Amino acid sequence: MPGTDFQFTIRRANPRGVTPLIARERFADRKRLDRDADAAFMACLWDYFGAEPFERGNLDAGRLSWLFGREVIPAEDPFDPKSYEALLRVDEARARSAFPEAFDGTWVA
């Protein structure tokens, strides 16, 4: 997101190992900027991948973890949360419910 310190991708693999994906709790009192970053990230995921499975690849684990287990779910079983090759997918119904602005074109940076 321009003008913020939020990132959606990492530039290179972590030489100390892959940061595992975890489902982070989103509390109702989160800052507006944090909620906007979640919506922006979801909009980017949907624009780029749609409902198709995608590799975790160089997507930022911290940013993904805010959506993981809810709007972004494993697309394979077993799922390895420490793999850059792990397959994920957007749960469209949950994502549309949580971030309608990411789907209706009203989200702006």
PDB file of N, CA and C in Angstrom:
ATOM      1  N   MET A   1       0.843  -1.165   0.000  1.00  0.00           N
ATOM      2  CA  MET A   1       0.000   0.000   0.000  1.00  0.00           C
ATOM      3  C   MET A   1       0.891   1.231   0.000  1.00  0.00           C
ATOM      4  N   PRO A   2       0.798   2.033  -1.013  1.00  0.00           N
ATOM      5  CA  PRO A   2       1.623   3.231  -1.088  1.00  0.00           C
ATOM      6  C   PRO A   2       1.414   4.131   0.136  1.00  0.00           C
ATOM      7  N   GLY A   3       2.494   4.670   0.623  1.00  0.00           N
ATOM      8  CA  GLY A   3       2.437   5.586   1.756  1.00  0.00           C
ATOM      9  C   GLY A   3       2.327   4.915   3.107  1.00  0.00           C
ATOM     10  N   THR A   4       2.456   3.601   3.149  1.00  0.00           N
ATOM     11  CA  THR A   4       2.407   2.871   4.419  1.00  0.00           C
ATOM     12  C   THR A   4       3.615   1.948   4.486  1.00  0.00           C
ATOM     13  N   ASP A   5       3.791   1.301   5.618  1.00  0.00           N
ATOM     14  CA  ASP A   5       4.870   0.317   5.724  1.00  0.00           C
ATOM     15  C   ASP A   5       4.348  -1.102   5.497  1.00  0.00           C
ATOM     16  N   PHE A   6       3.129  -1.231   4.970  1.00  0.00           N
ATOM     17  CA  PHE A   6       2.572  -2.547   4.687  1.00  0.00           C
ATOM     18  C   PHE A   6       3.148  -3.098   3.393  1.00  0.00           C
ATOM     19  N   GLN A   7       3.462  -4.380   3.406  1.00  0.00           N
ATOM     20  CA  GLN A   7       3.939  -5.032   2.191  1.00  0.00           C
ATOM     21  C   GLN A   7       3.099  -6.266   1.943  1.00  0.00           C
ATOM     22  N   PHE A   8       2.978  -6.633   0.688  1.00  0.00           N
ATOM     23  CA  PHE A   8       2.194  -7.801   0.323  1.00  0.00           C
ATOM     24  C   PHE A   8       3.081  -8.931  -0.174  1.00  0.00           C
ATOM     25  N   THR A   9       4.272  -8.607  -0.642  1.00  0.00           N
ATOM     26  CA  THR A   9       5.191  -9.646  -1.108  1.00  0.00           C
ATOM     27  C   THR A   9       6.560  -9.439  -0.471  1.00  0.00           C
ATOM     28  N   ILE A  10       7.310 -10.521  -0.405  1.00  0.00           N
ATOM     29  CA  ILE A  10       8.683 -10.441   0.055  1.00  0.00           C
ATOM     30  C   ILE A  10       9.589 -10.503  -1.170  1.00  0.00           C
ATOM     31  N   ARG A  11      10.754  -9.925  -1.064  1.00  0.00           N
ATOM     32  CA  ARG A  11      11.645  -9.860  -2.219  1.00  0.00           C
ATOM     33  C   ARG A  11      12.458 -11.125  -2.435  1.00  0.00           C
ATOM     34  N   ARG A  12      12.712 -11.852  -1.373  1.00  0.00           N
ATOM     35  CA  ARG A  12      13.534 -13.060  -1.501  1.00  0.00           C
ATOM     36  C   ARG A  12      13.167 -14.018  -0.372  1.00  0.00           C
ATOM     37  N   ALA A  13      13.459 -15.276  -0.581  1.00  0.00           N
ATOM     38  CA  ALA A  13      13.172 -16.300   0.428  1.00  0.00           C
ATOM     39  C   ALA A  13      13.998 -16.035   1.683  1.00  0.00           C
ATOM     40  N   ASN A  14      13.469 -16.380   2.816  1.00  0.00           N
ATOM     41  CA  ASN A  14      14.144 -16.215   4.092  1.00  0.00           C
ATOM     42  C   ASN A  14      15.230 -17.286   4.208  1.00  0.00           C
ATOM     43  N   PRO A  15      16.517 -16.884   4.317  1.00  0.00           N
ATOM     44  CA  PRO A  15      17.594 -17.877   4.399  1.00  0.00           C
ATOM     45  C   PRO A  15      17.547 -18.717   5.677  1.00  0.00           C
ATOM     46  N   ARG A  16      16.841 -18.254   6.702  1.00  0.00           N
ATOM     47  CA  ARG A  16      16.737 -19.008   7.960  1.00  0.00           C
ATOM     48  C   ARG A  16      15.556 -19.958   7.958  1.00  0.00           C
ATOM     49  N   GLY A  17      14.790 -19.975   6.889  1.00  0.00           N
ATOM     50  CA  GLY A  17      13.632 -20.862   6.808  1.00  0.00           C
ATOM     51  C   GLY A  17      12.361 -20.090   6.505  1.00  0.00           C
ATOM     52  N   VAL A  18      11.368 -20.813   6.095  1.00  0.00           N
ATOM     53  CA  VAL A  18      10.097 -20.221   5.714  1.00  0.00           C
ATOM     54  C   VAL A  18       9.298 -19.848   6.962  1.00  0.00           C
ATOM     55  N   THR A  19       8.760 -18.641   6.996  1.00  0.00           N
ATOM     56  CA  THR A  19       7.885 -18.237   8.090  1.00  0.00           C
ATOM     57  C   THR A  19       6.561 -18.969   7.924  1.00  0.00           C
ATOM     58  N   PRO A  20       6.142 -19.743   8.926  1.00  0.00           N
ATOM     59  CA  PRO A  20       4.896 -20.506   8.779  1.00  0.00           C
ATOM     60  C   PRO A  20       3.665 -19.598   8.783  1.00  0.00           C
ATOM     61  N   LEU A  21       2.640 -20.025   8.052  1.00  0.00           N
ATOM     62  CA  LEU A  21       1.360 -19.329   8.086  1.00  0.00           C
ATOM     63  C   LEU A  21       0.618 -19.756   9.344  1.00  0.00           C
ATOM     64  N   ILE A  22       0.002 -18.799  10.005  1.00  0.00           N
ATOM     65  CA  ILE A  22      -0.827 -19.072  11.185  1.00  0.00           C
ATOM     66  C   ILE A  22      -2.106 -18.252  11.038  1.00  0.00           C
ATOM     67  N   ALA A  23      -3.158 -18.692  11.655  1.00  0.00           N
ATOM     68  CA  ALA A  23      -4.404 -17.921  11.642  1.00  0.00           C
ATOM     69  C   ALA A  23      -4.340 -16.905  12.776  1.00  0.00           C
ATOM     70  N   ARG A  24      -4.184 -15.636  12.428  1.00  0.00           N
ATOM     71  CA  ARG A  24      -4.129 -14.573  13.428  1.00  0.00           C
ATOM     72  C   ARG A  24      -5.536 -14.092  13.754  1.00  0.00           C
ATOM     73  N   GLU A  25      -5.766 -13.848  15.016  1.00  0.00           N
ATOM     74  CA  GLU A  25      -7.057 -13.344  15.464  1.00  0.00           C
ATOM     75  C   GLU A  25      -7.205 -11.879  15.070  1.00  0.00           C
ATOM     76  N   ARG A  26      -8.336 -11.531  14.454  1.00  0.00           N
ATOM     77  CA  ARG A  26      -8.619 -10.129  14.109  1.00  0.00           C
ATOM     78  C   ARG A  26      -9.656  -9.612  15.097  1.00  0.00           C
ATOM     79  N   PHE A  27      -9.239  -8.699  15.937  1.00  0.00           N
ATOM     80  CA  PHE A  27     -10.133  -8.148  16.942  1.00  0.00           C
ATOM     81  C   PHE A  27     -10.879  -6.944  16.376  1.00  0.00           C
ATOM     82  N   ALA A  28     -12.057  -6.682  16.913  1.00  0.00           N
ATOM     83  CA  ALA A  28     -12.911  -5.600  16.421  1.00  0.00           C
ATOM     84  C   ALA A  28     -12.269  -4.219  16.583  1.00  0.00           C
ATOM     85  N   ASP A  29     -11.334  -4.083  17.502  1.00  0.00           N
ATOM     86  CA  ASP A  29     -10.739  -2.771  17.742  1.00  0.00           C
ATOM     87  C   ASP A  29      -9.447  -2.533  16.939  1.00  0.00           C
ATOM     88  N   ARG A  30      -9.245  -3.318  15.888  1.00  0.00           N
ATOM     89  CA  ARG A  30      -8.053  -3.097  15.050  1.00  0.00           C
ATOM     90  C   ARG A  30      -8.108  -1.709  14.421  1.00  0.00           C
ATOM     91  N   LYS A  31      -6.941  -1.152  14.176  1.00  0.00           N
ATOM     92  CA  LYS A  31      -6.864   0.177  13.564  1.00  0.00           C
ATOM     93  C   LYS A  31      -7.440   0.157  12.152  1.00  0.00           C
ATOM     94  N   ARG A  32      -7.976   1.288  11.745  1.00  0.00           N
ATOM     95  CA  ARG A  32      -8.556   1.427  10.399  1.00  0.00           C
ATOM     96  C   ARG A  32      -7.518   1.091   9.321  1.00  0.00           C
ATOM     97  N   LEU A  33      -6.291   1.536   9.509  1.00  0.00           N
ATOM     98  CA  LEU A  33      -5.244   1.274   8.521  1.00  0.00           C
ATOM     99  C   LEU A  33      -4.975  -0.225   8.373  1.00  0.00           C
ATOM    100  N   ASP A  34      -5.027  -0.967   9.473  1.00  0.00           N
ATOM    101  CA  ASP A  34      -4.847  -2.417   9.419  1.00  0.00           C
ATOM    102  C   ASP A  34      -5.993  -3.083   8.658  1.00  0.00           C
ATOM    103  N   ARG A  35      -7.206  -2.639   8.924  1.00  0.00           N
ATOM    104  CA  ARG A  35      -8.367  -3.185   8.203  1.00  0.00           C
ATOM    105  C   ARG A  35      -8.287  -2.847   6.720  1.00  0.00           C
ATOM    106  N   ASP A  36      -7.837  -1.631   6.399  1.00  0.00           N
ATOM    107  CA  ASP A  36      -7.670  -1.233   4.999  1.00  0.00           C
ATOM    108  C   ASP A  36      -6.614  -2.093   4.304  1.00  0.00           C
ATOM    109  N   ALA A  37      -5.544  -2.409   5.017  1.00  0.00           N
ATOM    110  CA  ALA A  37      -4.495  -3.260   4.436  1.00  0.00           C
ATOM    111  C   ALA A  37      -5.040  -4.651   4.138  1.00  0.00           C
ATOM    112  N   ASP A  38      -5.864  -5.184   5.039  1.00  0.00           N
ATOM    113  CA  ASP A  38      -6.491  -6.492   4.792  1.00  0.00           C
ATOM    114  C   ASP A  38      -7.367  -6.439   3.547  1.00  0.00           C
ATOM    115  N   ALA A  39      -8.168  -5.389   3.422  1.00  0.00           N
ATOM    116  CA  ALA A  39      -9.064  -5.246   2.267  1.00  0.00           C
ATOM    117  C   ALA A  39      -8.266  -5.086   0.977  1.00  0.00           C
ATOM    118  N   ALA A  40      -7.200  -4.305   1.033  1.00  0.00           N
ATOM    119  CA  ALA A  40      -6.363  -4.102  -0.154  1.00  0.00           C
ATOM    120  C   ALA A  40      -5.705  -5.406  -0.576  1.00  0.00           C
ATOM    121  N   PHE A  41      -5.201  -6.153   0.391  1.00  0.00           N
ATOM    122  CA  PHE A  41      -4.559  -7.421   0.090  1.00  0.00           C
ATOM    123  C   PHE A  41      -5.566  -8.400  -0.513  1.00  0.00           C
ATOM    124  N   MET A  42      -6.759  -8.454   0.075  1.00  0.00           N
ATOM    125  CA  MET A  42      -7.792  -9.332  -0.470  1.00  0.00           C
ATOM    126  C   MET A  42      -8.151  -8.916  -1.893  1.00  0.00           C
ATOM    127  N   ALA A  43      -8.270  -7.630  -2.145  1.00  0.00           N
ATOM    128  CA  ALA A  43      -8.576  -7.154  -3.499  1.00  0.00           C
ATOM    129  C   ALA A  43      -7.489  -7.594  -4.474  1.00  0.00           C
ATOM    130  N   CYS A  44      -6.233  -7.501  -4.059  1.00  0.00           N
ATOM    131  CA  CYS A  44      -5.124  -7.927  -4.914  1.00  0.00           C
ATOM    132  C   CYS A  44      -5.167  -9.432  -5.169  1.00  0.00           C
ATOM    133  N   LEU A  45      -5.401 -10.215  -4.123  1.00  0.00           N
ATOM    134  CA  LEU A  45      -5.488 -11.670  -4.295  1.00  0.00           C
ATOM    135  C   LEU A  45      -6.605 -12.032  -5.262  1.00  0.00           C
ATOM    136  N   TRP A  46      -7.756 -11.405  -5.092  1.00  0.00           N
ATOM    137  CA  TRP A  46      -8.898 -11.721  -5.945  1.00  0.00           C
ATOM    138  C   TRP A  46      -8.631 -11.293  -7.384  1.00  0.00           C
ATOM    139  N   ASP A  47      -8.074 -10.098  -7.563  1.00  0.00           N
ATOM    140  CA  ASP A  47      -7.769  -9.613  -8.920  1.00  0.00           C
ATOM    141  C   ASP A  47      -6.772 -10.526  -9.623  1.00  0.00           C
ATOM    142  N   TYR A  48      -5.801 -11.012  -8.890  1.00  0.00           N
ATOM    143  CA  TYR A  48      -4.732 -11.791  -9.508  1.00  0.00           C
ATOM    144  C   TYR A  48      -5.087 -13.270  -9.670  1.00  0.00           C
ATOM    145  N   PHE A  49      -5.712 -13.868  -8.626  1.00  0.00           N
ATOM    146  CA  PHE A  49      -5.948 -15.315  -8.633  1.00  0.00           C
ATOM    147  C   PHE A  49      -7.417 -15.712  -8.795  1.00  0.00           C
ATOM    148  N   GLY A  50      -8.333 -14.848  -8.396  1.00  0.00           N
ATOM    149  CA  GLY A  50      -9.745 -15.212  -8.429  1.00  0.00           C
ATOM    150  C   GLY A  50      -9.994 -16.411  -7.522  1.00  0.00           C
ATOM    151  N   ALA A  51     -10.834 -17.326  -7.965  1.00  0.00           N
ATOM    152  CA  ALA A  51     -11.190 -18.496  -7.168  1.00  0.00           C
ATOM    153  C   ALA A  51     -10.233 -19.667  -7.374  1.00  0.00           C
ATOM    154  N   GLU A  52      -9.225 -19.493  -8.225  1.00  0.00           N
ATOM    155  CA  GLU A  52      -8.284 -20.582  -8.534  1.00  0.00           C
ATOM    156  C   GLU A  52      -7.257 -20.770  -7.414  1.00  0.00           C
ATOM    157  N   PRO A  53      -6.819 -22.002  -7.170  1.00  0.00           N
ATOM    158  CA  PRO A  53      -5.733 -22.235  -6.211  1.00  0.00           C
ATOM    159  C   PRO A  53      -4.460 -21.514  -6.666  1.00  0.00           C
ATOM    160  N   PHE A  54      -3.679 -21.070  -5.690  1.00  0.00           N
ATOM    161  CA  PHE A  54      -2.431 -20.375  -5.994  1.00  0.00           C
ATOM    162  C   PHE A  54      -1.356 -20.787  -5.006  1.00  0.00           C
ATOM    163  N   GLU A  55      -0.111 -20.691  -5.455  1.00  0.00           N
ATOM    164  CA  GLU A  55       1.032 -20.977  -4.583  1.00  0.00           C
ATOM    165  C   GLU A  55       1.258 -19.821  -3.630  1.00  0.00           C
ATOM    166  N   ARG A  56       1.603 -20.150  -2.408  1.00  0.00           N
ATOM    167  CA  ARG A  56       1.956 -19.116  -1.439  1.00  0.00           C
ATOM    168  C   ARG A  56       3.097 -18.259  -1.981  1.00  0.00           C
ATOM    169  N   GLY A  57       4.081 -18.907  -2.570  1.00  0.00           N
ATOM    170  CA  GLY A  57       5.176 -18.186  -3.212  1.00  0.00           C
ATOM    171  C   GLY A  57       5.782 -17.113  -2.343  1.00  0.00           C
ATOM    172  N   ASN A  58       5.912 -15.907  -2.891  1.00  0.00           N
ATOM    173  CA  ASN A  58       6.559 -14.831  -2.160  1.00  0.00           C
ATOM    174  C   ASN A  58       5.558 -13.888  -1.491  1.00  0.00           C
ATOM    175  N   LEU A  59       4.341 -14.361  -1.247  1.00  0.00           N
ATOM    176  CA  LEU A  59       3.380 -13.550  -0.506  1.00  0.00           C
ATOM    177  C   LEU A  59       3.819 -13.451   0.946  1.00  0.00           C
ATOM    178  N   ASP A  60       3.709 -12.280   1.514  1.00  0.00           N
ATOM    179  CA  ASP A  60       4.163 -12.016   2.872  1.00  0.00           C
ATOM    180  C   ASP A  60       3.365 -12.846   3.885  1.00  0.00           C
ATOM    181  N   ALA A  61       4.070 -13.643   4.693  1.00  0.00           N
ATOM    182  CA  ALA A  61       3.417 -14.530   5.664  1.00  0.00           C
ATOM    183  C   ALA A  61       2.642 -13.740   6.706  1.00  0.00           C
ATOM    184  N   GLY A  62       3.179 -12.625   7.137  1.00  0.00           N
ATOM    185  CA  GLY A  62       2.474 -11.815   8.131  1.00  0.00           C
ATOM    186  C   GLY A  62       1.145 -11.306   7.605  1.00  0.00           C
ATOM    187  N   ARG A  63       1.156 -10.778   6.402  1.00  0.00           N
ATOM    188  CA  ARG A  63      -0.072 -10.252   5.799  1.00  0.00           C
ATOM    189  C   ARG A  63      -1.061 -11.386   5.507  1.00  0.00           C
ATOM    190  N   LEU A  64      -0.553 -12.508   4.990  1.00  0.00           N
ATOM    191  CA  LEU A  64      -1.414 -13.652   4.689  1.00  0.00           C
ATOM    192  C   LEU A  64      -2.046 -14.231   5.952  1.00  0.00           C
ATOM    193  N   SER A  65      -1.309 -14.203   7.051  1.00  0.00           N
ATOM    194  CA  SER A  65      -1.805 -14.796   8.287  1.00  0.00           C
ATOM    195  C   SER A  65      -3.029 -14.078   8.841  1.00  0.00           C
ATOM    196  N   TRP A  66      -3.216 -12.798   8.500  1.00  0.00           N
ATOM    197  CA  TRP A  66      -4.418 -12.091   8.946  1.00  0.00           C
ATOM    198  C   TRP A  66      -5.666 -12.628   8.255  1.00  0.00           C
ATOM    199  N   LEU A  67      -5.505 -13.278   7.097  1.00  0.00           N
ATOM    200  CA  LEU A  67      -6.638 -13.821   6.339  1.00  0.00           C
ATOM    201  C   LEU A  67      -6.710 -15.343   6.401  1.00  0.00           C
ATOM    202  N   PHE A  68      -5.600 -15.969   6.773  1.00  0.00           N
ATOM    203  CA  PHE A  68      -5.483 -17.426   6.728  1.00  0.00           C
ATOM    204  C   PHE A  68      -6.467 -18.101   7.689  1.00  0.00           C
ATOM    205  N   GLY A  69      -7.104 -19.155   7.191  1.00  0.00           N
ATOM    206  CA  GLY A  69      -8.058 -19.902   7.992  1.00  0.00           C
ATOM    207  C   GLY A  69      -9.468 -19.360   7.920  1.00  0.00           C
ATOM    208  N   ARG A  70      -9.627 -18.207   7.281  1.00  0.00           N
ATOM    209  CA  ARG A  70     -10.951 -17.617   7.104  1.00  0.00           C
ATOM    210  C   ARG A  70     -11.181 -17.346   5.620  1.00  0.00           C
ATOM    211  N   GLU A  71     -10.676 -16.213   5.145  1.00  0.00           N
ATOM    212  CA  GLU A  71     -10.880 -15.827   3.744  1.00  0.00           C
ATOM    213  C   GLU A  71      -9.896 -16.506   2.795  1.00  0.00           C
ATOM    214  N   VAL A  72      -8.759 -16.907   3.297  1.00  0.00           N
ATOM    215  CA  VAL A  72      -7.768 -17.661   2.517  1.00  0.00           C
ATOM    216  C   VAL A  72      -7.572 -19.000   3.221  1.00  0.00           C
ATOM    217  N   ILE A  73      -7.790 -20.071   2.477  1.00  0.00           N
ATOM    218  CA  ILE A  73      -7.757 -21.400   3.080  1.00  0.00           C
ATOM    219  C   ILE A  73      -6.832 -22.323   2.280  1.00  0.00           C
ATOM    220  N   PRO A  74      -6.373 -23.415   2.908  1.00  0.00           N
ATOM    221  CA  PRO A  74      -5.555 -24.379   2.172  1.00  0.00           C
ATOM    222  C   PRO A  74      -6.325 -24.953   0.990  1.00  0.00           C
ATOM    223  N   ALA A  75      -5.604 -25.183  -0.099  1.00  0.00           N
ATOM    224  CA  ALA A  75      -6.208 -25.779  -1.288  1.00  0.00           C
ATOM    225  C   ALA A  75      -5.678 -27.184  -1.514  1.00  0.00           C
ATOM    226  N   GLU A  76      -5.026 -27.737  -0.489  1.00  0.00           N
ATOM    227  CA  GLU A  76      -4.489 -29.093  -0.592  1.00  0.00           C
ATOM    228  C   GLU A  76      -4.488 -29.719   0.790  1.00  0.00           C
ATOM    229  N   ASP A  77      -4.503 -31.043   0.792  1.00  0.00           N
ATOM    230  CA  ASP A  77      -4.461 -31.787   2.032  1.00  0.00           C
ATOM    231  C   ASP A  77      -3.508 -32.957   1.839  1.00  0.00           C
ATOM    232  N   PRO A  78      -2.432 -33.060   2.575  1.00  0.00           N
ATOM    233  CA  PRO A  78      -2.076 -32.217   3.701  1.00  0.00           C
ATOM    234  C   PRO A  78      -1.534 -30.860   3.252  1.00  0.00           C
ATOM    235  N   PHE A  79      -1.639 -29.897   4.151  1.00  0.00           N
ATOM    236  CA  PHE A  79      -1.156 -28.545   3.886  1.00  0.00           C
ATOM    237  C   PHE A  79       0.085 -28.290   4.725  1.00  0.00           C
ATOM    238  N   ASP A  80       1.129 -27.757   4.110  1.00  0.00           N
ATOM    239  CA  ASP A  80       2.365 -27.440   4.827  1.00  0.00           C
ATOM    240  C   ASP A  80       2.461 -25.927   4.991  1.00  0.00           C
ATOM    241  N   PRO A  81       2.226 -25.410   6.209  1.00  0.00           N
ATOM    242  CA  PRO A  81       2.261 -23.964   6.427  1.00  0.00           C
ATOM    243  C   PRO A  81       3.659 -23.356   6.317  1.00  0.00           C
ATOM    244  N   LYS A  82       4.686 -24.202   6.174  1.00  0.00           N
ATOM    245  CA  LYS A  82       6.066 -23.729   6.058  1.00  0.00           C
ATOM    246  C   LYS A  82       6.618 -23.889   4.649  1.00  0.00           C
ATOM    247  N   SER A  83       5.756 -24.030   3.662  1.00  0.00           N
ATOM    248  CA  SER A  83       6.220 -24.257   2.294  1.00  0.00           C
ATOM    249  C   SER A  83       5.853 -23.096   1.377  1.00  0.00           C
ATOM    250  N   TYR A  84       6.840 -22.625   0.610  1.00  0.00           N
ATOM    251  CA  TYR A  84       6.556 -21.602  -0.397  1.00  0.00           C
ATOM    252  C   TYR A  84       5.709 -22.183  -1.534  1.00  0.00           C
ATOM    253  N   GLU A  85       5.705 -23.509  -1.685  1.00  0.00           N
ATOM    254  CA  GLU A  85       4.942 -24.161  -2.751  1.00  0.00           C
ATOM    255  C   GLU A  85       3.531 -24.548  -2.306  1.00  0.00           C
ATOM    256  N   ALA A  86       3.179 -24.309  -1.039  1.00  0.00           N
ATOM    257  CA  ALA A  86       1.857 -24.658  -0.529  1.00  0.00           C
ATOM    258  C   ALA A  86       0.768 -23.972  -1.344  1.00  0.00           C
ATOM    259  N   LEU A  87      -0.313 -24.704  -1.605  1.00  0.00           N
ATOM    260  CA  LEU A  87      -1.418 -24.158  -2.381  1.00  0.00           C
ATOM    261  C   LEU A  87      -2.511 -23.615  -1.473  1.00  0.00           C
ATOM    262  N   LEU A  88      -2.961 -22.426  -1.811  1.00  0.00           N
ATOM    263  CA  LEU A  88      -4.025 -21.734  -1.090  1.00  0.00           C
ATOM    264  C   LEU A  88      -5.127 -21.378  -2.072  1.00  0.00           C
ATOM    265  N   ARG A  89      -6.266 -20.959  -1.538  1.00  0.00           N
ATOM    266  CA  ARG A  89      -7.316 -20.414  -2.386  1.00  0.00           C
ATOM    267  C   ARG A  89      -8.156 -19.445  -1.562  1.00  0.00           C
ATOM    268  N   VAL A  90      -8.801 -18.527  -2.262  1.00  0.00           N
ATOM    269  CA  VAL A  90      -9.699 -17.582  -1.615  1.00  0.00           C
ATOM    270  C   VAL A  90     -11.050 -18.266  -1.418  1.00  0.00           C
ATOM    271  N   ASP A  91     -11.563 -18.233  -0.197  1.00  0.00           N
ATOM    272  CA  ASP A  91     -12.921 -18.690   0.079  1.00  0.00           C
ATOM    273  C   ASP A  91     -13.819 -17.503  -0.281  1.00  0.00           C
ATOM    274  N   GLU A  92     -14.354 -17.533  -1.481  1.00  0.00           N
ATOM    275  CA  GLU A  92     -15.047 -16.366  -2.033  1.00  0.00           C
ATOM    276  C   GLU A  92     -16.196 -15.888  -1.155  1.00  0.00           C
ATOM    277  N   ALA A  93     -17.016 -16.789  -0.668  1.00  0.00           N
ATOM    278  CA  ALA A  93     -18.168 -16.377   0.139  1.00  0.00           C
ATOM    279  C   ALA A  93     -17.725 -15.649   1.407  1.00  0.00           C
ATOM    280  N   ARG A  94     -16.748 -16.209   2.100  1.00  0.00           N
ATOM    281  CA  ARG A  94     -16.264 -15.563   3.334  1.00  0.00           C
ATOM    282  C   ARG A  94     -15.550 -14.262   3.040  1.00  0.00           C
ATOM    283  N   ALA A  95     -14.785 -14.238   1.947  1.00  0.00           N
ATOM    284  CA  ALA A  95     -14.052 -13.028   1.590  1.00  0.00           C
ATOM    285  C   ALA A  95     -15.005 -11.899   1.203  1.00  0.00           C
ATOM    286  N   ARG A  96     -16.022 -12.222   0.424  1.00  0.00           N
ATOM    287  CA  ARG A  96     -17.012 -11.198   0.033  1.00  0.00           C
ATOM    288  C   ARG A  96     -17.758 -10.658   1.250  1.00  0.00           C
ATOM    289  N   SER A  97     -18.042 -11.534   2.204  1.00  0.00           N
ATOM    290  CA  SER A  97     -18.738 -11.112   3.414  1.00  0.00           C
ATOM    291  C   SER A  97     -17.852 -10.210   4.280  1.00  0.00           C
ATOM    292  N   ALA A  98     -16.584 -10.575   4.426  1.00  0.00           N
ATOM    293  CA  ALA A  98     -15.667  -9.822   5.284  1.00  0.00           C
ATOM    294  C   ALA A  98     -15.161  -8.542   4.634  1.00  0.00           C
ATOM    295  N   PHE A  99     -14.962  -8.567   3.317  1.00  0.00           N
ATOM    296  CA  PHE A  99     -14.371  -7.432   2.603  1.00  0.00           C
ATOM    297  C   PHE A  99     -15.168  -7.090   1.344  1.00  0.00           C
ATOM    298  N   PRO A 100     -16.416  -6.654   1.482  1.00  0.00           N
ATOM    299  CA  PRO A 100     -17.209  -6.357   0.282  1.00  0.00           C
ATOM    300  C   PRO A 100     -16.557  -5.303  -0.612  1.00  0.00           C
ATOM    301  N   GLU A 101     -15.829  -4.371  -0.005  1.00  0.00           N
ATOM    302  CA  GLU A 101     -15.176  -3.308  -0.780  1.00  0.00           C
ATOM    303  C   GLU A 101     -14.073  -3.841  -1.688  1.00  0.00           C
ATOM    304  N   ALA A 102     -13.540  -5.011  -1.383  1.00  0.00           N
ATOM    305  CA  ALA A 102     -12.498  -5.619  -2.216  1.00  0.00           C
ATOM    306  C   ALA A 102     -13.085  -6.218  -3.492  1.00  0.00           C
ATOM    307  N   PHE A 103     -14.390  -6.410  -3.524  1.00  0.00           N
ATOM    308  CA  PHE A 103     -15.046  -7.057  -4.654  1.00  0.00           C
ATOM    309  C   PHE A 103     -15.942  -6.120  -5.454  1.00  0.00           C
ATOM    310  N   ASP A 104     -16.415  -5.041  -4.826  1.00  0.00           N
ATOM    311  CA  ASP A 104     -17.361  -4.174  -5.524  1.00  0.00           C
ATOM    312  C   ASP A 104     -16.720  -2.929  -6.143  1.00  0.00           C
ATOM    313  N   GLY A 105     -15.400  -2.860  -6.054  1.00  0.00           N
ATOM    314  CA  GLY A 105     -14.702  -1.735  -6.689  1.00  0.00           C
ATOM    315  C   GLY A 105     -14.665  -0.469  -5.868  1.00  0.00           C
ATOM    316  N   THR A 106     -15.146  -0.497  -4.628  1.00  0.00           N
ATOM    317  CA  THR A 106     -15.138   0.729  -3.824  1.00  0.00           C
ATOM    318  C   THR A 106     -13.866   0.878  -2.992  1.00  0.00           C
ATOM    319  N   TRP A 107     -13.012  -0.162  -2.940  1.00  0.00           N
ATOM    320  CA  TRP A 107     -11.773  -0.030  -2.197  1.00  0.00           C
ATOM    321  C   TRP A 107     -10.806   0.842  -2.978  1.00  0.00           C
ATOM    322  N   VAL A 108     -10.237   1.824  -2.297  1.00  0.00           N
ATOM    323  CA  VAL A 108      -9.232   2.681  -2.911  1.00  0.00           C
ATOM    324  C   VAL A 108      -8.093   2.867  -1.942  1.00  0.00           C
ATOM    325  N   ALA A 109      -6.877   2.991  -2.492  1.00  0.00           N
ATOM    326  CA  ALA A 109      -5.689   3.193  -1.642  1.00  0.00           C
ATOM    327  C   ALA A 109      -5.590   4.634  -1.215  1.00  0.00           C
TER     328      ALA A 109
END
